[in-house]
């Protein structure tokens, strides 16, 4: 079964979640959470996204994101890719 087509357009608001495989932790400690927040800020600045709210849990996160340019997939791809490749 295919995934439903995502609708992307400028000014849209999205509730985004991402969780670790098998519900494994994605943040090790507070320093790790801070790294993720720094990456999020840089990605949002680069892609002109506005984060209205966020919640970091041990094994997942939630974002309420507004996309000024309708580019959520590239924003999220960069967020998750850069965070995973950040030095420890």
PDB file of N, CA and C in Angstrom:
ATOM      1  N   UNK A   1       0.848  -1.169   0.000  1.00  0.00           N
ATOM      2  CA  UNK A   1       0.000   0.000   0.000  1.00  0.00           C
ATOM      3  C   UNK A   1       0.897   1.237   0.000  1.00  0.00           C
ATOM      4  N   UNK A   2       0.558   2.199  -0.827  1.00  0.00           N
ATOM      5  CA  UNK A   2       1.363   3.413  -0.914  1.00  0.00           C
ATOM      6  C   UNK A   2       0.952   4.428   0.147  1.00  0.00           C
ATOM      7  N   UNK A   3       1.887   5.288   0.444  1.00  0.00           N
ATOM      8  CA  UNK A   3       1.628   6.353   1.415  1.00  0.00           C
ATOM      9  C   UNK A   3       0.773   7.430   0.741  1.00  0.00           C
ATOM     10  N   UNK A   4      -0.170   8.030   1.467  1.00  0.00           N
ATOM     11  CA  UNK A   4      -0.980   9.099   0.873  1.00  0.00           C
ATOM     12  C   UNK A   4      -0.107  10.282   0.450  1.00  0.00           C
ATOM     13  N   UNK A   5      -0.496  10.939  -0.624  1.00  0.00           N
ATOM     14  CA  UNK A   5       0.217  12.101  -1.117  1.00  0.00           C
ATOM     15  C   UNK A   5       0.164  13.222  -0.084  1.00  0.00           C
ATOM     16  N   UNK A   6       1.308  13.835   0.172  1.00  0.00           N
ATOM     17  CA  UNK A   6       1.356  14.956   1.114  1.00  0.00           C
ATOM     18  C   UNK A   6       1.054  16.247   0.369  1.00  0.00           C
ATOM     19  N   UNK A   7       0.301  17.094   0.997  1.00  0.00           N
ATOM     20  CA  UNK A   7      -0.032  18.391   0.419  1.00  0.00           C
ATOM     21  C   UNK A   7       0.910  19.429   1.020  1.00  0.00           C
ATOM     22  N   UNK A   8       1.628  20.139   0.164  1.00  0.00           N
ATOM     23  CA  UNK A   8       2.557  21.175   0.605  1.00  0.00           C
ATOM     24  C   UNK A   8       2.212  22.477  -0.093  1.00  0.00           C
ATOM     25  N   UNK A   9       2.046  23.530   0.673  1.00  0.00           N
ATOM     26  CA  UNK A   9       1.810  24.836   0.073  1.00  0.00           C
ATOM     27  C   UNK A   9       2.294  25.922   1.023  1.00  0.00           C
ATOM     28  N   UNK A  10       2.624  27.090   0.492  1.00  0.00           N
ATOM     29  CA  UNK A  10       3.118  28.185   1.329  1.00  0.00           C
ATOM     30  C   UNK A  10       2.108  28.575   2.401  1.00  0.00           C
ATOM     31  N   UNK A  11       2.599  28.823   3.600  1.00  0.00           N
ATOM     32  CA  UNK A  11       1.759  29.263   4.703  1.00  0.00           C
ATOM     33  C   UNK A  11       1.029  28.153   5.435  1.00  0.00           C
ATOM     34  N   UNK A  12       1.292  26.906   5.073  1.00  0.00           N
ATOM     35  CA  UNK A  12       0.612  25.775   5.712  1.00  0.00           C
ATOM     36  C   UNK A  12       1.192  25.521   7.101  1.00  0.00           C
ATOM     37  N   UNK A  13       0.348  25.027   8.003  1.00  0.00           N
ATOM     38  CA  UNK A  13       0.771  24.604   9.338  1.00  0.00           C
ATOM     39  C   UNK A  13       0.740  23.081   9.395  1.00  0.00           C
ATOM     40  N   UNK A  14       1.782  22.490   9.962  1.00  0.00           N
ATOM     41  CA  UNK A  14       1.892  21.036  10.041  1.00  0.00           C
ATOM     42  C   UNK A  14       2.222  20.599  11.462  1.00  0.00           C
ATOM     43  N   UNK A  15       1.619  19.503  11.881  1.00  0.00           N
ATOM     44  CA  UNK A  15       2.032  18.829  13.109  1.00  0.00           C
ATOM     45  C   UNK A  15       2.955  17.705  12.655  1.00  0.00           C
ATOM     46  N   UNK A  16       4.217  17.785  13.038  1.00  0.00           N
ATOM     47  CA  UNK A  16       5.233  16.832  12.604  1.00  0.00           C
ATOM     48  C   UNK A  16       5.715  16.048  13.818  1.00  0.00           C
ATOM     49  N   UNK A  17       5.841  14.739  13.663  1.00  0.00           N
ATOM     50  CA  UNK A  17       6.440  13.914  14.708  1.00  0.00           C
ATOM     51  C   UNK A  17       7.505  13.030  14.081  1.00  0.00           C
ATOM     52  N   UNK A  18       8.474  12.667  14.872  1.00  0.00           N
ATOM     53  CA  UNK A  18       9.486  11.710  14.446  1.00  0.00           C
ATOM     54  C   UNK A  18       9.880  10.907  15.673  1.00  0.00           C
ATOM     55  N   UNK A  19       9.977   9.596  15.494  1.00  0.00           N
ATOM     56  CA  UNK A  19      10.237   8.704  16.626  1.00  0.00           C
ATOM     57  C   UNK A  19      11.373   7.750  16.278  1.00  0.00           C
ATOM     58  N   UNK A  20      12.119   7.333  17.280  1.00  0.00           N
ATOM     59  CA  UNK A  20      13.191   6.370  17.085  1.00  0.00           C
ATOM     60  C   UNK A  20      12.647   4.996  16.710  1.00  0.00           C
ATOM     61  N   UNK A  21      13.455   4.220  16.000  1.00  0.00           N
ATOM     62  CA  UNK A  21      13.064   2.853  15.639  1.00  0.00           C
ATOM     63  C   UNK A  21      12.791   2.044  16.899  1.00  0.00           C
ATOM     64  N   UNK A  22      11.732   1.258  16.855  1.00  0.00           N
ATOM     65  CA  UNK A  22      11.321   0.425  17.991  1.00  0.00           C
ATOM     66  C   UNK A  22      11.186   1.261  19.271  1.00  0.00           C
ATOM     67  N   UNK A  23      10.818   2.523  19.082  1.00  0.00           N
ATOM     68  CA  UNK A  23      10.637   3.468  20.193  1.00  0.00           C
ATOM     69  C   UNK A  23      11.912   3.679  21.015  1.00  0.00           C
ATOM     70  N   UNK A  24      13.050   3.464  20.377  1.00  0.00           N
ATOM     71  CA  UNK A  24      14.340   3.665  21.053  1.00  0.00           C
ATOM     72  C   UNK A  24      14.580   5.161  21.270  1.00  0.00           C
ATOM     73  N   UNK A  25      15.317   5.525  22.305  1.00  0.00           N
ATOM     74  CA  UNK A  25      15.615   6.941  22.552  1.00  0.00           C
ATOM     75  C   UNK A  25      16.357   7.575  21.375  1.00  0.00           C
ATOM     76  N   UNK A  26      16.014   8.816  21.071  1.00  0.00           N
ATOM     77  CA  UNK A  26      16.727   9.555  20.028  1.00  0.00           C
ATOM     78  C   UNK A  26      17.577  10.678  20.626  1.00  0.00           C
ATOM     79  N   UNK A  27      17.360  10.989  21.890  1.00  0.00           N
ATOM     80  CA  UNK A  27      18.160  11.987  22.600  1.00  0.00           C
ATOM     81  C   UNK A  27      18.832  11.300  23.785  1.00  0.00           C
ATOM     82  N   UNK A  28      20.162  11.475  23.907  1.00  0.00           N
ATOM     83  CA  UNK A  28      20.898  10.843  25.001  1.00  0.00           C
ATOM     84  C   UNK A  28      20.803  11.630  26.304  1.00  0.00           C
ATOM     85  N   UNK A  29      20.880  12.964  26.179  1.00  0.00           N
ATOM     86  CA  UNK A  29      20.919  13.813  27.374  1.00  0.00           C
ATOM     87  C   UNK A  29      20.527  15.236  26.987  1.00  0.00           C
ATOM     88  N   UNK A  30      20.605  16.159  27.937  1.00  0.00           N
ATOM     89  CA  UNK A  30      20.222  17.545  27.666  1.00  0.00           C
ATOM     90  C   UNK A  30      21.132  18.204  26.631  1.00  0.00           C
ATOM     91  N   UNK A  31      22.408  17.855  26.629  1.00  0.00           N
ATOM     92  CA  UNK A  31      23.327  18.412  25.629  1.00  0.00           C
ATOM     93  C   UNK A  31      22.914  17.968  24.227  1.00  0.00           C
ATOM     94  N   UNK A  32      22.508  16.728  24.104  1.00  0.00           N
ATOM     95  CA  UNK A  32      22.046  16.193  22.830  1.00  0.00           C
ATOM     96  C   UNK A  32      20.771  16.907  22.377  1.00  0.00           C
ATOM     97  N   UNK A  33      19.877  17.179  23.310  1.00  0.00           N
ATOM     98  CA  UNK A  33      18.649  17.925  22.987  1.00  0.00           C
ATOM     99  C   UNK A  33      18.991  19.332  22.497  1.00  0.00           C
ATOM    100  N   UNK A  34      19.992  19.944  23.097  1.00  0.00           N
ATOM    101  CA  UNK A  34      20.421  21.290  22.694  1.00  0.00           C
ATOM    102  C   UNK A  34      20.996  21.282  21.284  1.00  0.00           C
ATOM    103  N   UNK A  35      21.768  20.255  20.959  1.00  0.00           N
ATOM    104  CA  UNK A  35      22.307  20.121  19.601  1.00  0.00           C
ATOM    105  C   UNK A  35      21.161  20.070  18.603  1.00  0.00           C
ATOM    106  N   UNK A  36      20.138  19.273  18.909  1.00  0.00           N
ATOM    107  CA  UNK A  36      18.983  19.154  18.018  1.00  0.00           C
ATOM    108  C   UNK A  36      18.296  20.509  17.849  1.00  0.00           C
ATOM    109  N   UNK A  37      18.144  21.254  18.944  1.00  0.00           N
ATOM    110  CA  UNK A  37      17.519  22.581  18.854  1.00  0.00           C
ATOM    111  C   UNK A  37      18.346  23.535  18.000  1.00  0.00           C
ATOM    112  N   UNK A  38      19.661  23.463  18.111  1.00  0.00           N
ATOM    113  CA  UNK A  38      20.531  24.302  17.283  1.00  0.00           C
ATOM    114  C   UNK A  38      20.390  23.943  15.809  1.00  0.00           C
ATOM    115  N   UNK A  39      20.352  22.650  15.510  1.00  0.00           N
ATOM    116  CA  UNK A  39      20.163  22.200  14.130  1.00  0.00           C
ATOM    117  C   UNK A  39      18.796  22.652  13.623  1.00  0.00           C
ATOM    118  N   UNK A  40      17.763  22.507  14.447  1.00  0.00           N
ATOM    119  CA  UNK A  40      16.417  22.945  14.066  1.00  0.00           C
ATOM    120  C   UNK A  40      16.412  24.432  13.715  1.00  0.00           C
ATOM    121  N   UNK A  41      17.044  25.253  14.526  1.00  0.00           N
ATOM    122  CA  UNK A  41      17.089  26.699  14.268  1.00  0.00           C
ATOM    123  C   UNK A  41      17.773  27.005  12.937  1.00  0.00           C
ATOM    124  N   UNK A  42      18.889  26.341  12.661  1.00  0.00           N
ATOM    125  CA  UNK A  42      19.617  26.577  11.406  1.00  0.00           C
ATOM    126  C   UNK A  42      18.804  26.133  10.197  1.00  0.00           C
ATOM    127  N   UNK A  43      18.168  24.973  10.309  1.00  0.00           N
ATOM    128  CA  UNK A  43      17.365  24.458   9.195  1.00  0.00           C
ATOM    129  C   UNK A  43      16.177  25.381   8.932  1.00  0.00           C
ATOM    130  N   UNK A  44      15.527  25.841   9.985  1.00  0.00           N
ATOM    131  CA  UNK A  44      14.372  26.733   9.811  1.00  0.00           C
ATOM    132  C   UNK A  44      14.788  28.067   9.206  1.00  0.00           C
ATOM    133  N   UNK A  45      15.943  28.559   9.596  1.00  0.00           N
ATOM    134  CA  UNK A  45      16.435  29.805   9.008  1.00  0.00           C
ATOM    135  C   UNK A  45      16.721  29.615   7.518  1.00  0.00           C
ATOM    136  N   UNK A  46      17.347  28.517   7.174  1.00  0.00           N
ATOM    137  CA  UNK A  46      17.706  28.240   5.786  1.00  0.00           C
ATOM    138  C   UNK A  46      16.472  28.016   4.909  1.00  0.00           C
ATOM    139  N   UNK A  47      15.459  27.339   5.451  1.00  0.00           N
ATOM    140  CA  UNK A  47      14.273  26.976   4.661  1.00  0.00           C
ATOM    141  C   UNK A  47      13.071  27.886   4.924  1.00  0.00           C
ATOM    142  N   UNK A  48      13.256  28.913   5.713  1.00  0.00           N
ATOM    143  CA  UNK A  48      12.191  29.882   6.014  1.00  0.00           C
ATOM    144  C   UNK A  48      10.962  29.207   6.615  1.00  0.00           C
ATOM    145  N   UNK A  49      11.192  28.339   7.575  1.00  0.00           N
ATOM    146  CA  UNK A  49      10.104  27.697   8.318  1.00  0.00           C
ATOM    147  C   UNK A  49       9.976  28.386   9.676  1.00  0.00           C
ATOM    148  N   UNK A  50       8.777  28.391  10.202  1.00  0.00           N
ATOM    149  CA  UNK A  50       8.521  28.993  11.510  1.00  0.00           C
ATOM    150  C   UNK A  50       8.024  27.895  12.447  1.00  0.00           C
ATOM    151  N   UNK A  51       8.728  27.677  13.543  1.00  0.00           N
ATOM    152  CA  UNK A  51       8.296  26.696  14.538  1.00  0.00           C
ATOM    153  C   UNK A  51       7.456  27.436  15.573  1.00  0.00           C
ATOM    154  N   UNK A  52       6.178  27.098  15.638  1.00  0.00           N
ATOM    155  CA  UNK A  52       5.279  27.735  16.599  1.00  0.00           C
ATOM    156  C   UNK A  52       5.368  27.063  17.966  1.00  0.00           C
ATOM    157  N   UNK A  53       5.617  25.763  17.983  1.00  0.00           N
ATOM    158  CA  UNK A  53       5.812  25.055  19.255  1.00  0.00           C
ATOM    159  C   UNK A  53       6.547  23.753  18.986  1.00  0.00           C
ATOM    160  N   UNK A  54       7.159  23.225  20.041  1.00  0.00           N
ATOM    161  CA  UNK A  54       7.842  21.938  19.932  1.00  0.00           C
ATOM    162  C   UNK A  54       7.809  21.243  21.278  1.00  0.00           C
ATOM    163  N   UNK A  55       7.998  19.935  21.230  1.00  0.00           N
ATOM    164  CA  UNK A  55       8.092  19.128  22.441  1.00  0.00           C
ATOM    165  C   UNK A  55       9.109  18.029  22.174  1.00  0.00           C
ATOM    166  N   UNK A  56      10.134  17.959  23.004  1.00  0.00           N
ATOM    167  CA  UNK A  56      11.136  16.905  22.894  1.00  0.00           C
ATOM    168  C   UNK A  56      10.876  15.876  23.984  1.00  0.00           C
ATOM    169  N   UNK A  57      10.666  14.650  23.582  1.00  0.00           N
ATOM    170  CA  UNK A  57      10.523  13.545  24.509  1.00  0.00           C
ATOM    171  C   UNK A  57      11.780  12.684  24.368  1.00  0.00           C
ATOM    172  N   UNK A  58      11.913  11.664  25.181  1.00  0.00           N
ATOM    173  CA  UNK A  58      13.112  10.824  25.113  1.00  0.00           C
ATOM    174  C   UNK A  58      13.247  10.130  23.765  1.00  0.00           C
ATOM    175  N   UNK A  59      12.134   9.590  23.262  1.00  0.00           N
ATOM    176  CA  UNK A  59      12.216   8.783  22.045  1.00  0.00           C
ATOM    177  C   UNK A  59      11.519   9.401  20.837  1.00  0.00           C
ATOM    178  N   UNK A  60      11.033  10.638  20.953  1.00  0.00           N
ATOM    179  CA  UNK A  60      10.397  11.286  19.811  1.00  0.00           C
ATOM    180  C   UNK A  60      10.271  12.787  20.049  1.00  0.00           C
ATOM    181  N   UNK A  61       9.854  13.482  18.992  1.00  0.00           N
ATOM    182  CA  UNK A  61       9.585  14.911  19.137  1.00  0.00           C
ATOM    183  C   UNK A  61       8.326  15.278  18.367  1.00  0.00           C
ATOM    184  N   UNK A  62       7.765  16.417  18.727  1.00  0.00           N
ATOM    185  CA  UNK A  62       6.613  16.993  18.044  1.00  0.00           C
ATOM    186  C   UNK A  62       6.976  18.421  17.657  1.00  0.00           C
ATOM    187  N   UNK A  63       6.537  18.843  16.476  1.00  0.00           N
ATOM    188  CA  UNK A  63       6.719  20.220  16.031  1.00  0.00           C
ATOM    189  C   UNK A  63       5.402  20.734  15.466  1.00  0.00           C
ATOM    190  N   UNK A  64       5.117  21.997  15.676  1.00  0.00           N
ATOM    191  CA  UNK A  64       4.059  22.686  14.947  1.00  0.00           C
ATOM    192  C   UNK A  64       4.791  23.693  14.072  1.00  0.00           C
ATOM    193  N   UNK A  65       4.844  23.405  12.768  1.00  0.00           N
ATOM    194  CA  UNK A  65       5.684  24.146  11.835  1.00  0.00           C
ATOM    195  C   UNK A  65       4.830  24.828  10.773  1.00  0.00           C
ATOM    196  N   UNK A  66       5.188  26.062  10.476  1.00  0.00           N
ATOM    197  CA  UNK A  66       4.591  26.789   9.354  1.00  0.00           C
ATOM    198  C   UNK A  66       5.643  26.890   8.260  1.00  0.00           C
ATOM    199  N   UNK A  67       5.269  26.515   7.043  1.00  0.00           N
ATOM    200  CA  UNK A  67       6.202  26.586   5.923  1.00  0.00           C
ATOM    201  C   UNK A  67       5.870  27.806   5.082  1.00  0.00           C
ATOM    202  N   UNK A  68       6.746  28.781   5.097  1.00  0.00           N
ATOM    203  CA  UNK A  68       6.542  30.006   4.329  1.00  0.00           C
ATOM    204  C   UNK A  68       6.574  29.700   2.835  1.00  0.00           C
ATOM    205  N   UNK A  69       7.412  28.743   2.430  1.00  0.00           N
ATOM    206  CA  UNK A  69       7.590  28.426   1.013  1.00  0.00           C
ATOM    207  C   UNK A  69       6.974  27.087   0.604  1.00  0.00           C
ATOM    208  N   UNK A  70       6.297  26.403   1.486  1.00  0.00           N
ATOM    209  CA  UNK A  70       5.711  25.110   1.134  1.00  0.00           C
ATOM    210  C   UNK A  70       6.746  24.027   0.885  1.00  0.00           C
ATOM    211  N   UNK A  71       7.786  24.001   1.689  1.00  0.00           N
ATOM    212  CA  UNK A  71       8.918  23.094   1.469  1.00  0.00           C
ATOM    213  C   UNK A  71       9.181  22.167   2.660  1.00  0.00           C
ATOM    214  N   UNK A  72       8.143  21.664   3.275  1.00  0.00           N
ATOM    215  CA  UNK A  72       8.315  20.826   4.471  1.00  0.00           C
ATOM    216  C   UNK A  72       9.192  19.594   4.230  1.00  0.00           C
ATOM    217  N   UNK A  73       9.014  18.846   3.140  1.00  0.00           N
ATOM    218  CA  UNK A  73       9.852  17.640   2.972  1.00  0.00           C
ATOM    219  C   UNK A  73      11.351  17.938   2.983  1.00  0.00           C
ATOM    220  N   UNK A  74      11.781  18.982   2.291  1.00  0.00           N
ATOM    221  CA  UNK A  74      13.218  19.281   2.277  1.00  0.00           C
ATOM    222  C   UNK A  74      13.689  19.775   3.643  1.00  0.00           C
ATOM    223  N   UNK A  75      12.843  20.507   4.335  1.00  0.00           N
ATOM    224  CA  UNK A  75      13.182  20.985   5.684  1.00  0.00           C
ATOM    225  C   UNK A  75      13.379  19.803   6.639  1.00  0.00           C
ATOM    226  N   UNK A  76      12.444  18.872   6.651  1.00  0.00           N
ATOM    227  CA  UNK A  76      12.528  17.729   7.564  1.00  0.00           C
ATOM    228  C   UNK A  76      13.669  16.786   7.186  1.00  0.00           C
ATOM    229  N   UNK A  77      13.891  16.600   5.888  1.00  0.00           N
ATOM    230  CA  UNK A  77      14.995  15.751   5.441  1.00  0.00           C
ATOM    231  C   UNK A  77      16.316  16.318   5.949  1.00  0.00           C
ATOM    232  N   UNK A  78      16.457  17.636   5.853  1.00  0.00           N
ATOM    233  CA  UNK A  78      17.693  18.252   6.319  1.00  0.00           C
ATOM    234  C   UNK A  78      17.800  18.210   7.845  1.00  0.00           C
ATOM    235  N   UNK A  79      16.703  18.458   8.549  1.00  0.00           N
ATOM    236  CA  UNK A  79      16.732  18.403  10.018  1.00  0.00           C
ATOM    237  C   UNK A  79      17.167  17.026  10.499  1.00  0.00           C
ATOM    238  N   UNK A  80      16.505  16.001  10.050  1.00  0.00           N
ATOM    239  CA  UNK A  80      16.822  14.649  10.519  1.00  0.00           C
ATOM    240  C   UNK A  80      18.190  14.191  10.034  1.00  0.00           C
ATOM    241  N   UNK A  81      18.571  14.549   8.824  1.00  0.00           N
ATOM    242  CA  UNK A  81      19.877  14.159   8.292  1.00  0.00           C
ATOM    243  C   UNK A  81      21.026  14.842   9.009  1.00  0.00           C
ATOM    244  N   UNK A  82      20.908  16.142   9.266  1.00  0.00           N
ATOM    245  CA  UNK A  82      21.981  16.875   9.946  1.00  0.00           C
ATOM    246  C   UNK A  82      22.097  16.472  11.404  1.00  0.00           C
ATOM    247  N   UNK A  83      20.969  16.244  12.057  1.00  0.00           N
ATOM    248  CA  UNK A  83      21.030  15.837  13.462  1.00  0.00           C
ATOM    249  C   UNK A  83      21.714  14.482  13.589  1.00  0.00           C
ATOM    250  N   UNK A  84      21.368  13.554  12.693  1.00  0.00           N
ATOM    251  CA  UNK A  84      21.974  12.220  12.758  1.00  0.00           C
ATOM    252  C   UNK A  84      23.469  12.259  12.495  1.00  0.00           C
ATOM    253  N   UNK A  85      23.913  13.212  11.673  1.00  0.00           N
ATOM    254  CA  UNK A  85      25.336  13.269  11.341  1.00  0.00           C
ATOM    255  C   UNK A  85      26.113  14.245  12.221  1.00  0.00           C
ATOM    256  N   UNK A  86      25.443  14.855  13.215  1.00  0.00           N
ATOM    257  CA  UNK A  86      26.135  15.784  14.116  1.00  0.00           C
ATOM    258  C   UNK A  86      27.170  15.037  14.946  1.00  0.00           C
ATOM    259  N   UNK A  87      28.330  15.670  15.162  1.00  0.00           N
ATOM    260  CA  UNK A  87      29.338  15.005  16.000  1.00  0.00           C
ATOM    261  C   UNK A  87      28.854  14.878  17.436  1.00  0.00           C
ATOM    262  N   UNK A  88      29.263  13.808  18.078  1.00  0.00           N
ATOM    263  CA  UNK A  88      28.851  13.556  19.464  1.00  0.00           C
ATOM    264  C   UNK A  88      29.861  14.149  20.410  1.00  0.00           C
TER     265      UNK A  88
END
